[in-house]
Amino acid sequence: MLGGGLIVESAGTWGHEGAPMEANAETVLTDFGADPAGFTGRELLDEHVIRADLVLTATRDHRAQVISMGHSAGLRTFTLKEFTRLVNAIDPATLPPLEDGVVTRARALVRAAAALRGWLLAPTVEADEVYDPYGAPLPFFRSIGDEIHQALDPVVTALTGVPARM
């Protein structure tokens, strides 16, 4: 549980069911102050997509896989960087007030981002991609960790009204 009702979960589009987190990923998460203890890989299932108000993927291929699962997932599935790009274009004053709760605000943010899709295009095809560092050396993992962190900051700020980085 995160921020009064948000549930954040992770699942992969293929393989790794029950697998431990890669050591370099653990190192990077720890560097960011997260606790990787207890993590086990799991495969993305229909039930995860059905339950989700928002599905964030690393790549456009992953997004296409989620959408192909059905369940009206297209309007609530984005690559992380795509979602961030769209969130950056949303005026926070158009979202429900913070007093309405983070879940209400998050759902409105997803609807607003979906409405902008197609109007606000990525500058390049690669701009919305986060490349998988699986098997890569630690410096590459760190660079991907920085990319993800930078992409999440505007989303956290839009949800909470508090700048994520000080």
N, C-alpha and C. Protein backbone atom coordinates (compact mmCIF):
# COMPACT_ATOMS: atom_id res chain seq x y z
N MET A 1 0.84 -1.17 0.00
CA MET A 1 0.00 0.00 0.00
C MET A 1 0.89 1.24 0.00
N LEU A 2 0.52 2.21 -0.76
CA LEU A 2 1.31 3.43 -0.89
C LEU A 2 0.37 4.61 -0.90
N GLY A 3 0.64 5.61 -0.07
CA GLY A 3 -0.08 6.85 -0.14
C GLY A 3 -1.58 6.75 0.02
N GLY A 4 -2.07 6.04 1.01
CA GLY A 4 -3.49 6.04 1.29
C GLY A 4 -4.35 5.35 0.27
N GLY A 5 -4.01 4.17 -0.14
CA GLY A 5 -4.90 3.41 -0.99
C GLY A 5 -4.32 2.97 -2.31
N LEU A 6 -3.18 3.49 -2.70
CA LEU A 6 -2.55 3.02 -3.93
C LEU A 6 -1.84 1.71 -3.66
N ILE A 7 -2.06 0.77 -4.52
CA ILE A 7 -1.34 -0.50 -4.44
C ILE A 7 -0.44 -0.57 -5.66
N VAL A 8 0.84 -0.75 -5.43
CA VAL A 8 1.82 -0.82 -6.51
C VAL A 8 2.36 -2.25 -6.55
N GLU A 9 2.23 -2.88 -7.72
CA GLU A 9 2.69 -4.26 -7.88
C GLU A 9 3.55 -4.36 -9.14
N SER A 10 4.31 -5.42 -9.22
CA SER A 10 5.19 -5.65 -10.35
C SER A 10 4.96 -7.04 -10.91
N ALA A 11 4.99 -7.13 -12.23
CA ALA A 11 4.91 -8.43 -12.91
C ALA A 11 5.56 -8.30 -14.27
N GLY A 12 6.09 -9.39 -14.77
CA GLY A 12 6.77 -9.38 -16.06
C GLY A 12 5.92 -9.99 -17.15
N THR A 13 6.21 -9.61 -18.39
CA THR A 13 5.43 -10.13 -19.51
C THR A 13 5.89 -11.51 -19.97
N TRP A 14 7.01 -11.99 -19.44
CA TRP A 14 7.42 -13.36 -19.75
C TRP A 14 8.41 -13.87 -18.71
N GLY A 15 8.37 -15.17 -18.50
CA GLY A 15 9.35 -15.88 -17.68
C GLY A 15 9.55 -15.36 -16.27
N HIS A 16 10.55 -15.83 -15.64
CA HIS A 16 11.04 -15.38 -14.33
C HIS A 16 10.07 -15.61 -13.17
N GLU A 17 9.04 -16.41 -13.34
CA GLU A 17 8.10 -16.69 -12.24
C GLU A 17 8.88 -17.30 -11.07
N GLY A 18 8.79 -16.65 -9.91
CA GLY A 18 9.45 -17.12 -8.71
C GLY A 18 10.93 -16.82 -8.62
N ALA A 19 11.48 -16.19 -9.64
CA ALA A 19 12.92 -15.90 -9.65
C ALA A 19 13.25 -14.75 -8.69
N PRO A 20 14.44 -14.81 -8.10
CA PRO A 20 14.86 -13.69 -7.26
C PRO A 20 15.22 -12.49 -8.14
N MET A 21 15.32 -11.34 -7.50
CA MET A 21 15.73 -10.14 -8.21
C MET A 21 17.20 -10.26 -8.58
N GLU A 22 17.55 -9.76 -9.74
CA GLU A 22 18.95 -9.76 -10.17
C GLU A 22 19.77 -8.91 -9.18
N ALA A 23 20.98 -9.35 -8.89
CA ALA A 23 21.82 -8.69 -7.88
C ALA A 23 22.05 -7.21 -8.19
N ASN A 24 22.29 -6.86 -9.44
CA ASN A 24 22.51 -5.46 -9.80
C ASN A 24 21.25 -4.62 -9.58
N ALA A 25 20.10 -5.21 -9.81
CA ALA A 25 18.83 -4.50 -9.56
C ALA A 25 18.67 -4.26 -8.06
N GLU A 26 19.01 -5.26 -7.26
CA GLU A 26 18.95 -5.09 -5.79
C GLU A 26 19.85 -3.95 -5.35
N THR A 27 21.05 -3.90 -5.89
CA THR A 27 22.00 -2.85 -5.52
C THR A 27 21.44 -1.47 -5.85
N VAL A 28 20.88 -1.32 -7.04
CA VAL A 28 20.34 -0.02 -7.46
C VAL A 28 19.13 0.36 -6.61
N LEU A 29 18.25 -0.58 -6.35
CA LEU A 29 17.08 -0.28 -5.49
C LEU A 29 17.53 0.15 -4.11
N THR A 30 18.51 -0.54 -3.57
CA THR A 30 19.04 -0.18 -2.26
C THR A 30 19.65 1.22 -2.29
N ASP A 31 20.36 1.54 -3.36
CA ASP A 31 20.93 2.89 -3.53
C ASP A 31 19.85 3.96 -3.47
N PHE A 32 18.65 3.64 -3.98
CA PHE A 32 17.54 4.58 -3.98
C PHE A 32 16.74 4.53 -2.68
N GLY A 33 17.16 3.70 -1.73
CA GLY A 33 16.50 3.64 -0.44
C GLY A 33 15.35 2.65 -0.36
N ALA A 34 15.19 1.82 -1.37
CA ALA A 34 14.13 0.81 -1.37
C ALA A 34 14.65 -0.49 -0.77
N ASP A 35 13.74 -1.30 -0.29
CA ASP A 35 14.10 -2.59 0.31
C ASP A 35 13.66 -3.71 -0.63
N PRO A 36 14.60 -4.38 -1.29
CA PRO A 36 14.23 -5.45 -2.22
C PRO A 36 13.92 -6.79 -1.55
N ALA A 37 13.99 -6.83 -0.22
CA ALA A 37 13.76 -8.10 0.49
C ALA A 37 12.37 -8.64 0.17
N GLY A 38 12.32 -9.93 -0.04
CA GLY A 38 11.04 -10.60 -0.26
C GLY A 38 10.55 -10.57 -1.69
N PHE A 39 11.28 -9.92 -2.58
CA PHE A 39 10.86 -9.86 -3.98
C PHE A 39 10.99 -11.23 -4.62
N THR A 40 9.98 -11.61 -5.38
CA THR A 40 10.09 -12.77 -6.28
C THR A 40 9.38 -12.39 -7.57
N GLY A 41 9.98 -12.79 -8.66
CA GLY A 41 9.41 -12.48 -9.96
C GLY A 41 8.07 -13.17 -10.16
N ARG A 42 7.21 -12.51 -10.92
CA ARG A 42 5.95 -13.14 -11.26
C ARG A 42 5.53 -12.70 -12.66
N GLU A 43 4.77 -13.57 -13.30
CA GLU A 43 4.30 -13.30 -14.65
C GLU A 43 3.02 -12.49 -14.61
N LEU A 44 2.88 -11.56 -15.54
CA LEU A 44 1.67 -10.76 -15.65
C LEU A 44 0.52 -11.65 -16.10
N LEU A 45 -0.54 -11.64 -15.33
CA LEU A 45 -1.72 -12.46 -15.61
C LEU A 45 -2.93 -11.58 -15.92
N ASP A 46 -3.93 -12.17 -16.54
CA ASP A 46 -5.17 -11.45 -16.83
C ASP A 46 -5.71 -10.75 -15.59
N GLU A 47 -5.70 -11.43 -14.46
CA GLU A 47 -6.27 -10.85 -13.23
C GLU A 47 -5.57 -9.56 -12.81
N HIS A 48 -4.26 -9.46 -13.06
CA HIS A 48 -3.53 -8.24 -12.74
C HIS A 48 -4.02 -7.08 -13.60
N VAL A 49 -4.19 -7.35 -14.89
CA VAL A 49 -4.62 -6.31 -15.82
C VAL A 49 -6.07 -5.89 -15.52
N ILE A 50 -6.91 -6.85 -15.24
CA ILE A 50 -8.32 -6.56 -14.93
C ILE A 50 -8.42 -5.66 -13.71
N ARG A 51 -7.63 -5.93 -12.70
CA ARG A 51 -7.67 -5.18 -11.43
C ARG A 51 -7.05 -3.79 -11.51
N ALA A 52 -6.16 -3.59 -12.45
CA ALA A 52 -5.35 -2.37 -12.47
C ALA A 52 -6.10 -1.17 -13.04
N ASP A 53 -5.93 -0.04 -12.37
CA ASP A 53 -6.39 1.24 -12.90
C ASP A 53 -5.35 1.83 -13.85
N LEU A 54 -4.11 1.41 -13.68
CA LEU A 54 -3.00 1.88 -14.50
C LEU A 54 -1.99 0.75 -14.64
N VAL A 55 -1.54 0.52 -15.86
CA VAL A 55 -0.47 -0.44 -16.12
C VAL A 55 0.65 0.33 -16.79
N LEU A 56 1.82 0.32 -16.17
CA LEU A 56 3.00 0.97 -16.73
C LEU A 56 3.97 -0.10 -17.20
N THR A 57 4.47 0.07 -18.41
CA THR A 57 5.41 -0.89 -18.97
C THR A 57 6.74 -0.19 -19.26
N ALA A 58 7.77 -0.97 -19.48
CA ALA A 58 9.07 -0.41 -19.82
C ALA A 58 9.15 -0.03 -21.30
N THR A 59 8.56 -0.86 -22.15
CA THR A 59 8.71 -0.67 -23.58
C THR A 59 7.36 -0.68 -24.29
N ARG A 60 7.37 -0.20 -25.54
CA ARG A 60 6.16 -0.24 -26.36
C ARG A 60 5.76 -1.68 -26.66
N ASP A 61 6.73 -2.57 -26.80
CA ASP A 61 6.39 -3.99 -27.03
C ASP A 61 5.65 -4.57 -25.83
N HIS A 62 6.11 -4.23 -24.62
CA HIS A 62 5.41 -4.70 -23.42
C HIS A 62 3.99 -4.13 -23.38
N ARG A 63 3.86 -2.85 -23.73
CA ARG A 63 2.54 -2.22 -23.75
C ARG A 63 1.62 -2.98 -24.71
N ALA A 64 2.13 -3.30 -25.89
CA ALA A 64 1.33 -4.04 -26.88
C ALA A 64 0.93 -5.41 -26.34
N GLN A 65 1.82 -6.07 -25.60
CA GLN A 65 1.48 -7.37 -25.01
C GLN A 65 0.35 -7.24 -24.01
N VAL A 66 0.40 -6.20 -23.18
CA VAL A 66 -0.66 -5.98 -22.18
C VAL A 66 -1.98 -5.71 -22.89
N ILE A 67 -1.96 -4.85 -23.88
CA ILE A 67 -3.19 -4.50 -24.60
C ILE A 67 -3.77 -5.73 -25.30
N SER A 68 -2.90 -6.60 -25.81
CA SER A 68 -3.38 -7.80 -26.50
C SER A 68 -4.08 -8.77 -25.55
N MET A 69 -3.89 -8.59 -24.25
CA MET A 69 -4.57 -9.43 -23.27
C MET A 69 -6.05 -9.08 -23.19
N GLY A 70 -6.41 -7.93 -23.73
CA GLY A 70 -7.81 -7.51 -23.71
C GLY A 70 -8.14 -6.74 -22.45
N HIS A 71 -9.34 -6.92 -21.95
CA HIS A 71 -9.78 -6.30 -20.69
C HIS A 71 -9.80 -4.78 -20.76
N SER A 72 -10.02 -4.23 -21.96
CA SER A 72 -10.07 -2.77 -22.14
C SER A 72 -8.83 -2.09 -21.57
N ALA A 73 -7.70 -2.72 -21.72
CA ALA A 73 -6.47 -2.22 -21.11
C ALA A 73 -5.85 -1.05 -21.87
N GLY A 74 -6.25 -0.81 -23.11
CA GLY A 74 -5.60 0.19 -23.94
C GLY A 74 -5.61 1.59 -23.36
N LEU A 75 -6.70 1.99 -22.73
CA LEU A 75 -6.79 3.36 -22.21
C LEU A 75 -6.05 3.55 -20.90
N ARG A 76 -5.62 2.47 -20.28
CA ARG A 76 -4.94 2.60 -18.99
C ARG A 76 -3.57 1.94 -18.96
N THR A 77 -3.04 1.67 -20.15
CA THR A 77 -1.71 1.07 -20.26
C THR A 77 -0.81 2.00 -21.05
N PHE A 78 0.32 2.35 -20.45
CA PHE A 78 1.28 3.28 -21.03
C PHE A 78 2.68 2.75 -20.77
N THR A 79 3.64 3.17 -21.59
CA THR A 79 5.01 2.98 -21.14
C THR A 79 5.22 4.03 -20.04
N LEU A 80 6.15 3.77 -19.15
CA LEU A 80 6.43 4.71 -18.06
C LEU A 80 6.76 6.09 -18.60
N LYS A 81 7.65 6.14 -19.58
CA LYS A 81 8.07 7.44 -20.11
C LYS A 81 6.95 8.13 -20.88
N GLU A 82 6.11 7.37 -21.55
CA GLU A 82 4.96 7.96 -22.23
C GLU A 82 4.03 8.60 -21.19
N PHE A 83 3.75 7.87 -20.13
CA PHE A 83 2.86 8.39 -19.09
C PHE A 83 3.44 9.67 -18.48
N THR A 84 4.73 9.66 -18.21
CA THR A 84 5.38 10.85 -17.65
C THR A 84 5.27 12.03 -18.61
N ARG A 85 5.52 11.78 -19.88
CA ARG A 85 5.43 12.85 -20.88
C ARG A 85 4.03 13.45 -20.89
N LEU A 86 3.02 12.61 -20.82
CA LEU A 86 1.64 13.09 -20.83
C LEU A 86 1.29 13.79 -19.52
N VAL A 87 1.73 13.23 -18.40
CA VAL A 87 1.49 13.85 -17.09
C VAL A 87 2.09 15.25 -17.04
N ASN A 88 3.26 15.42 -17.62
CA ASN A 88 3.91 16.73 -17.62
C ASN A 88 3.08 17.79 -18.36
N ALA A 89 2.19 17.35 -19.24
CA ALA A 89 1.36 18.28 -20.01
C ALA A 89 0.01 18.57 -19.33
N ILE A 90 -0.26 17.90 -18.22
CA ILE A 90 -1.54 18.06 -17.53
C ILE A 90 -1.41 19.14 -16.47
N ASP A 91 -2.33 20.08 -16.49
CA ASP A 91 -2.36 21.13 -15.47
C ASP A 91 -2.90 20.51 -14.18
N PRO A 92 -2.10 20.48 -13.11
CA PRO A 92 -2.56 19.87 -11.85
C PRO A 92 -3.86 20.49 -11.34
N ALA A 93 -4.12 21.74 -11.71
CA ALA A 93 -5.36 22.40 -11.25
C ALA A 93 -6.60 21.76 -11.86
N THR A 94 -6.43 20.99 -12.94
CA THR A 94 -7.57 20.32 -13.57
C THR A 94 -7.89 18.98 -12.92
N LEU A 95 -7.03 18.53 -12.01
CA LEU A 95 -7.23 17.26 -11.31
C LEU A 95 -8.07 17.48 -10.06
N PRO A 96 -8.70 16.43 -9.55
CA PRO A 96 -9.43 16.57 -8.29
C PRO A 96 -8.49 17.08 -7.20
N PRO A 97 -9.02 17.82 -6.23
CA PRO A 97 -8.15 18.33 -5.17
C PRO A 97 -7.54 17.20 -4.36
N LEU A 98 -6.40 17.48 -3.77
CA LEU A 98 -5.69 16.48 -2.96
C LEU A 98 -6.58 15.94 -1.85
N GLU A 99 -7.49 16.77 -1.35
CA GLU A 99 -8.37 16.34 -0.25
C GLU A 99 -9.29 15.20 -0.67
N ASP A 100 -9.52 15.03 -1.98
CA ASP A 100 -10.37 13.93 -2.47
C ASP A 100 -9.67 12.59 -2.40
N GLY A 101 -8.38 12.61 -2.11
CA GLY A 101 -7.62 11.38 -1.97
C GLY A 101 -6.78 11.06 -3.19
N VAL A 102 -5.71 10.34 -2.94
CA VAL A 102 -4.74 10.03 -3.99
C VAL A 102 -5.31 9.07 -5.03
N VAL A 103 -6.22 8.18 -4.64
CA VAL A 103 -6.78 7.24 -5.60
C VAL A 103 -7.66 7.98 -6.61
N THR A 104 -8.51 8.87 -6.12
CA THR A 104 -9.36 9.66 -7.01
C THR A 104 -8.50 10.50 -7.95
N ARG A 105 -7.47 11.10 -7.41
CA ARG A 105 -6.58 11.92 -8.22
C ARG A 105 -5.84 11.06 -9.24
N ALA A 106 -5.40 9.87 -8.84
CA ALA A 106 -4.67 8.98 -9.75
C ALA A 106 -5.56 8.55 -10.91
N ARG A 107 -6.79 8.19 -10.61
CA ARG A 107 -7.71 7.77 -11.68
C ARG A 107 -7.97 8.91 -12.66
N ALA A 108 -8.11 10.12 -12.15
CA ALA A 108 -8.30 11.28 -13.02
C ALA A 108 -7.05 11.54 -13.86
N LEU A 109 -5.89 11.33 -13.28
CA LEU A 109 -4.62 11.52 -13.99
C LEU A 109 -4.52 10.53 -15.15
N VAL A 110 -4.91 9.29 -14.92
CA VAL A 110 -4.89 8.27 -15.98
C VAL A 110 -5.85 8.66 -17.10
N ARG A 111 -7.06 9.10 -16.75
CA ARG A 111 -8.03 9.52 -17.78
C ARG A 111 -7.51 10.71 -18.58
N ALA A 112 -6.90 11.67 -17.89
CA ALA A 112 -6.37 12.86 -18.57
C ALA A 112 -5.22 12.48 -19.50
N ALA A 113 -4.36 11.60 -19.05
CA ALA A 113 -3.23 11.15 -19.88
C ALA A 113 -3.75 10.41 -21.11
N ALA A 114 -4.74 9.55 -20.93
CA ALA A 114 -5.31 8.81 -22.06
C ALA A 114 -5.92 9.77 -23.08
N ALA A 115 -6.53 10.85 -22.61
CA ALA A 115 -7.14 11.83 -23.50
C ALA A 115 -6.10 12.57 -24.33
N LEU A 116 -4.89 12.71 -23.79
CA LEU A 116 -3.82 13.42 -24.50
C LEU A 116 -3.07 12.53 -25.49
N ARG A 117 -3.19 11.22 -25.29
CA ARG A 117 -2.45 10.30 -26.16
C ARG A 117 -2.91 10.53 -27.61
N GLY A 118 -1.98 10.60 -28.51
CA GLY A 118 -2.31 10.86 -29.90
C GLY A 118 -2.21 12.34 -30.25
N TRP A 119 -2.36 13.19 -29.24
CA TRP A 119 -2.23 14.63 -29.45
C TRP A 119 -0.82 15.10 -29.12
N LEU A 120 -0.21 14.46 -28.16
CA LEU A 120 1.12 14.85 -27.70
C LEU A 120 2.06 13.69 -27.98
N LEU A 121 2.72 13.74 -29.11
CA LEU A 121 3.52 12.61 -29.57
C LEU A 121 4.96 12.70 -29.04
N ALA A 122 5.57 11.55 -28.93
CA ALA A 122 6.98 11.48 -28.51
C ALA A 122 7.86 12.07 -29.60
N PRO A 123 8.96 12.71 -29.23
CA PRO A 123 9.85 13.30 -30.23
C PRO A 123 10.52 12.24 -31.11
N THR A 124 10.75 11.05 -30.55
CA THR A 124 11.31 9.94 -31.32
C THR A 124 10.63 8.65 -30.86
N VAL A 125 10.77 7.62 -31.65
CA VAL A 125 10.19 6.32 -31.28
C VAL A 125 10.81 5.80 -29.99
N GLU A 126 12.11 6.03 -29.81
CA GLU A 126 12.82 5.51 -28.64
C GLU A 126 12.55 6.32 -27.37
N ALA A 127 11.98 7.50 -27.48
CA ALA A 127 11.81 8.38 -26.33
C ALA A 127 10.96 7.77 -25.22
N ASP A 128 10.05 6.88 -25.56
CA ASP A 128 9.16 6.29 -24.56
C ASP A 128 9.65 4.94 -24.04
N GLU A 129 10.86 4.56 -24.40
CA GLU A 129 11.39 3.24 -24.03
C GLU A 129 12.31 3.32 -22.81
N VAL A 130 12.19 2.32 -21.95
CA VAL A 130 13.18 2.08 -20.89
C VAL A 130 13.75 0.70 -21.21
N TYR A 131 15.02 0.66 -21.53
CA TYR A 131 15.62 -0.59 -21.95
C TYR A 131 15.90 -1.51 -20.76
N ASP A 132 15.71 -2.78 -20.98
CA ASP A 132 15.89 -3.79 -19.94
C ASP A 132 17.38 -4.02 -19.70
N PRO A 133 17.83 -3.78 -18.48
CA PRO A 133 19.26 -3.97 -18.20
C PRO A 133 19.62 -5.40 -17.82
N TYR A 134 18.67 -6.32 -17.92
CA TYR A 134 18.89 -7.71 -17.50
C TYR A 134 20.23 -8.23 -18.04
N GLY A 135 21.07 -8.68 -17.14
CA GLY A 135 22.37 -9.25 -17.50
C GLY A 135 23.46 -8.22 -17.76
N ALA A 136 23.11 -6.94 -17.68
CA ALA A 136 24.09 -5.88 -17.96
C ALA A 136 24.93 -5.58 -16.72
N PRO A 137 26.05 -4.89 -16.90
CA PRO A 137 26.88 -4.51 -15.76
C PRO A 137 26.19 -3.44 -14.90
N LEU A 138 26.67 -3.31 -13.67
CA LEU A 138 26.08 -2.39 -12.69
C LEU A 138 25.95 -0.95 -13.20
N PRO A 139 26.93 -0.38 -13.89
CA PRO A 139 26.76 1.01 -14.35
C PRO A 139 25.53 1.19 -15.26
N PHE A 140 25.25 0.20 -16.11
CA PHE A 140 24.07 0.30 -16.97
C PHE A 140 22.80 0.22 -16.12
N PHE A 141 22.78 -0.68 -15.14
CA PHE A 141 21.64 -0.76 -14.22
C PHE A 141 21.42 0.59 -13.54
N ARG A 142 22.51 1.21 -13.11
CA ARG A 142 22.39 2.51 -12.43
C ARG A 142 21.81 3.57 -13.38
N SER A 143 22.22 3.55 -14.63
CA SER A 143 21.69 4.53 -15.58
C SER A 143 20.20 4.30 -15.82
N ILE A 144 19.78 3.06 -15.87
CA ILE A 144 18.35 2.75 -16.04
C ILE A 144 17.60 3.13 -14.77
N GLY A 145 18.19 2.89 -13.60
CA GLY A 145 17.57 3.31 -12.34
C GLY A 145 17.35 4.81 -12.31
N ASP A 146 18.33 5.56 -12.78
CA ASP A 146 18.19 7.02 -12.85
C ASP A 146 17.07 7.43 -13.80
N GLU A 147 16.99 6.75 -14.95
CA GLU A 147 15.92 7.05 -15.92
C GLU A 147 14.55 6.82 -15.29
N ILE A 148 14.40 5.70 -14.61
CA ILE A 148 13.11 5.37 -14.00
C ILE A 148 12.79 6.38 -12.90
N HIS A 149 13.77 6.70 -12.09
CA HIS A 149 13.57 7.68 -11.02
C HIS A 149 13.12 9.02 -11.59
N GLN A 150 13.80 9.49 -12.61
CA GLN A 150 13.44 10.76 -13.24
C GLN A 150 12.04 10.71 -13.84
N ALA A 151 11.67 9.56 -14.40
CA ALA A 151 10.34 9.43 -14.99
C ALA A 151 9.25 9.38 -13.93
N LEU A 152 9.55 8.82 -12.77
CA LEU A 152 8.54 8.72 -11.71
C LEU A 152 8.32 10.03 -10.97
N ASP A 153 9.33 10.88 -10.89
CA ASP A 153 9.22 12.12 -10.13
C ASP A 153 7.99 12.96 -10.50
N PRO A 154 7.77 13.27 -11.79
CA PRO A 154 6.60 14.09 -12.13
C PRO A 154 5.27 13.40 -11.81
N VAL A 155 5.25 12.09 -11.89
CA VAL A 155 4.03 11.34 -11.59
C VAL A 155 3.72 11.45 -10.09
N VAL A 156 4.73 11.23 -9.26
CA VAL A 156 4.56 11.35 -7.81
C VAL A 156 4.13 12.76 -7.44
N THR A 157 4.74 13.75 -8.06
CA THR A 157 4.39 15.15 -7.80
C THR A 157 2.93 15.43 -8.20
N ALA A 158 2.53 14.93 -9.36
CA ALA A 158 1.14 15.14 -9.81
C ALA A 158 0.14 14.47 -8.86
N LEU A 159 0.52 13.35 -8.30
CA LEU A 159 -0.39 12.61 -7.40
C LEU A 159 -0.47 13.25 -6.01
N THR A 160 0.65 13.75 -5.55
CA THR A 160 0.71 14.20 -4.16
C THR A 160 0.75 15.71 -4.00
N GLY A 161 1.08 16.42 -5.07
CA GLY A 161 1.24 17.87 -4.97
C GLY A 161 2.55 18.27 -4.36
N VAL A 162 3.41 17.31 -4.06
CA VAL A 162 4.69 17.59 -3.41
C VAL A 162 5.80 17.21 -4.39
N PRO A 163 6.71 18.15 -4.67
CA PRO A 163 7.84 17.79 -5.55
C PRO A 163 8.60 16.59 -4.98
N ALA A 164 8.84 15.61 -5.84
CA ALA A 164 9.49 14.37 -5.39
C ALA A 164 10.96 14.59 -5.06
N ARG A 165 11.61 15.49 -5.76
CA ARG A 165 13.03 15.77 -5.51
C ARG A 165 13.15 17.12 -4.85
N MET A 166 13.98 17.17 -3.85
CA MET A 166 14.20 18.45 -3.17
C MET A 166 15.51 19.04 -3.62
